[in-house]
Amino acid sequence: MIKNRSDLVQLFQLHYPDQEVLDFSGKLEELNSISKYDNIVLLYPDPIGHGFAFLERALRNNKASNQDIWALNGRGRSFRLTPKIASQLRIRRMLELVPLAECVLLTALILLSPLIMLWNTGRR
């Protein structure tokens, strides 16, 4: 995973040579100027773009109908951000925030602990 901006920009230039890098961090009112570009590429420092849901939504609302939104993550994977993929990313982001598997296993362990203890004491 890429941690700093300069590495991410280098990765972008490797995948999209001769393309312009724009920084919209904190300036969503400037999104109205994106209509002059053919495509939009979001640079995710992590694999699934934590913290980018708001920007993705704003871009979808402000982009021209002939523009595609792409994402390039820190692993070097480039993919088109279709509504289906955006939905899958939202689910993955939520699952990373809510440790669902750990909660289920912990609940099962707590509920089964008395039975395991009884079974173990009966074997002695």
Protein backbone atom coordinates (compact mmCIF):
# COMPACT_ATOMS: atom_id res chain seq x y z
CA MET A 1 0.00 0.00 0.00
CA ILE A 2 1.29 3.43 -0.94
CA LYS A 3 1.50 5.91 1.92
CA ASN A 4 2.55 9.21 0.37
CA ARG A 5 1.19 11.36 -2.42
CA SER A 6 4.35 11.47 -4.55
CA ASP A 7 4.46 7.66 -4.90
CA LEU A 8 0.81 7.65 -5.88
CA VAL A 9 1.39 10.35 -8.50
CA GLN A 10 4.34 8.34 -9.88
CA LEU A 11 2.12 5.27 -10.13
CA PHE A 12 -0.52 7.35 -11.94
CA GLN A 13 2.05 8.66 -14.43
CA LEU A 14 3.26 5.12 -15.05
CA HIS A 15 -0.28 3.93 -15.89
CA TYR A 16 -1.47 7.14 -17.57
CA PRO A 17 1.53 8.86 -19.17
CA ASP A 18 1.08 12.43 -20.39
CA GLN A 19 -2.07 12.93 -18.30
CA GLU A 20 -2.70 15.76 -15.87
CA VAL A 21 -2.96 15.23 -12.10
CA LEU A 22 -5.54 17.39 -10.32
CA ASP A 23 -5.88 17.61 -6.56
CA PHE A 24 -9.44 18.16 -5.32
CA SER A 25 -8.75 17.41 -1.68
CA GLY A 26 -11.08 19.58 0.33
CA LYS A 27 -12.24 21.62 -2.69
CA LEU A 28 -15.36 19.88 -3.95
CA GLU A 29 -16.74 23.12 -5.38
CA GLU A 30 -14.06 22.82 -8.11
CA LEU A 31 -15.63 19.59 -9.39
CA ASN A 32 -17.67 21.63 -11.87
CA SER A 33 -14.50 21.97 -13.97
CA ILE A 34 -14.17 18.22 -14.61
CA SER A 35 -16.43 18.25 -17.67
CA LYS A 36 -13.52 19.28 -19.92
CA TYR A 37 -11.72 15.95 -19.31
CA ASP A 38 -12.42 12.70 -21.16
CA ASN A 39 -12.02 10.47 -18.10
CA ILE A 40 -11.56 10.85 -14.37
CA VAL A 41 -9.12 8.67 -12.43
CA LEU A 42 -9.29 8.50 -8.65
CA LEU A 43 -6.04 7.60 -6.90
CA TYR A 44 -6.69 5.26 -3.98
CA PRO A 45 -3.72 4.82 -1.65
CA ASP A 46 -5.31 1.59 -0.36
CA PRO A 47 -6.96 -1.30 -2.27
CA ILE A 48 -10.59 -0.22 -1.80
CA GLY A 49 -10.46 3.55 -1.43
CA HIS A 50 -11.35 4.20 2.20
CA GLY A 51 -12.72 7.72 2.57
CA PHE A 52 -13.50 8.17 -1.13
CA ALA A 53 -17.25 7.42 -1.06
CA PHE A 54 -18.20 11.10 -0.75
CA LEU A 55 -15.91 12.10 -3.65
CA GLU A 56 -17.16 9.20 -5.79
CA ARG A 57 -20.76 10.31 -5.22
CA ALA A 58 -19.90 13.93 -6.02
CA LEU A 59 -18.09 12.92 -9.20
CA ARG A 60 -20.99 10.75 -10.37
CA ASN A 61 -23.33 13.71 -9.87
CA ASN A 62 -21.07 16.22 -11.67
CA LYS A 63 -19.58 14.20 -14.51
CA ALA A 64 -20.68 14.45 -18.11
CA SER A 65 -22.59 11.49 -19.52
CA ASN A 66 -19.71 10.54 -21.82
CA GLN A 67 -17.10 10.53 -19.02
CA ASP A 68 -15.94 7.39 -17.28
CA ILE A 69 -14.68 7.29 -13.71
CA TRP A 70 -11.68 5.05 -13.12
CA ALA A 71 -9.78 4.15 -9.97
CA LEU A 72 -6.10 3.34 -9.58
CA ASN A 73 -5.22 1.83 -6.24
CA GLY A 74 -1.90 1.66 -4.42
CA ARG A 75 -1.37 -1.89 -5.64
CA GLY A 76 -1.32 -0.65 -9.23
CA ARG A 77 -4.73 -2.07 -10.15
CA SER A 78 -6.75 0.16 -12.45
CA PHE A 79 -10.50 -0.43 -12.81
CA ARG A 80 -13.56 1.35 -14.13
CA LEU A 81 -15.77 2.57 -11.30
CA THR A 82 -19.16 1.36 -12.50
CA PRO A 83 -22.20 1.59 -10.21
CA LYS A 84 -21.90 -2.17 -9.54
CA ILE A 85 -18.23 -1.92 -8.55
CA ALA A 86 -18.91 1.18 -6.46
CA SER A 87 -21.59 -0.78 -4.60
CA GLN A 88 -19.18 -3.68 -4.04
CA LEU A 89 -16.56 -1.28 -2.71
CA ARG A 90 -19.08 0.22 -0.27
CA ILE A 91 -19.85 -3.27 1.06
CA ARG A 92 -16.14 -4.11 1.40
CA ARG A 93 -15.47 -0.83 3.18
CA MET A 94 -18.30 -1.52 5.60
CA LEU A 95 -17.08 -5.08 6.25
CA GLU A 96 -13.61 -3.79 7.06
CA LEU A 97 -15.04 -1.34 9.57
CA VAL A 98 -17.35 -3.89 11.20
CA PRO A 99 -15.42 -7.03 12.14
CA LEU A 100 -18.39 -9.28 11.39
CA ALA A 101 -16.52 -12.59 11.32
CA GLU A 102 -14.84 -11.88 14.64
CA CYS A 103 -18.17 -10.96 16.26
CA VAL A 104 -19.82 -14.18 15.03
CA LEU A 105 -16.93 -16.37 16.21
CA LEU A 106 -16.78 -14.65 19.59
CA THR A 107 -20.52 -15.10 20.09
CA ALA A 108 -20.27 -18.78 19.14
CA LEU A 109 -17.36 -19.27 21.53
CA ILE A 110 -19.22 -17.61 24.40
CA LEU A 111 -22.36 -19.67 23.77
CA LEU A 112 -20.50 -22.96 23.35
CA SER A 113 -18.02 -22.50 26.22
CA PRO A 114 -20.28 -24.02 28.93
CA LEU A 115 -20.98 -27.06 26.74
CA ILE A 116 -17.30 -27.54 26.02
CA MET A 117 -16.50 -27.27 29.73
CA LEU A 118 -19.16 -29.85 30.62
CA TRP A 119 -17.96 -32.22 27.93
CA ASN A 120 -14.35 -31.81 29.08
CA THR A 121 -15.17 -32.45 32.78
CA GLY A 122 -17.17 -35.55 31.84
CA ARG A 123 -14.12 -37.04 30.13
CA ARG A 124 -12.03 -37.04 33.34
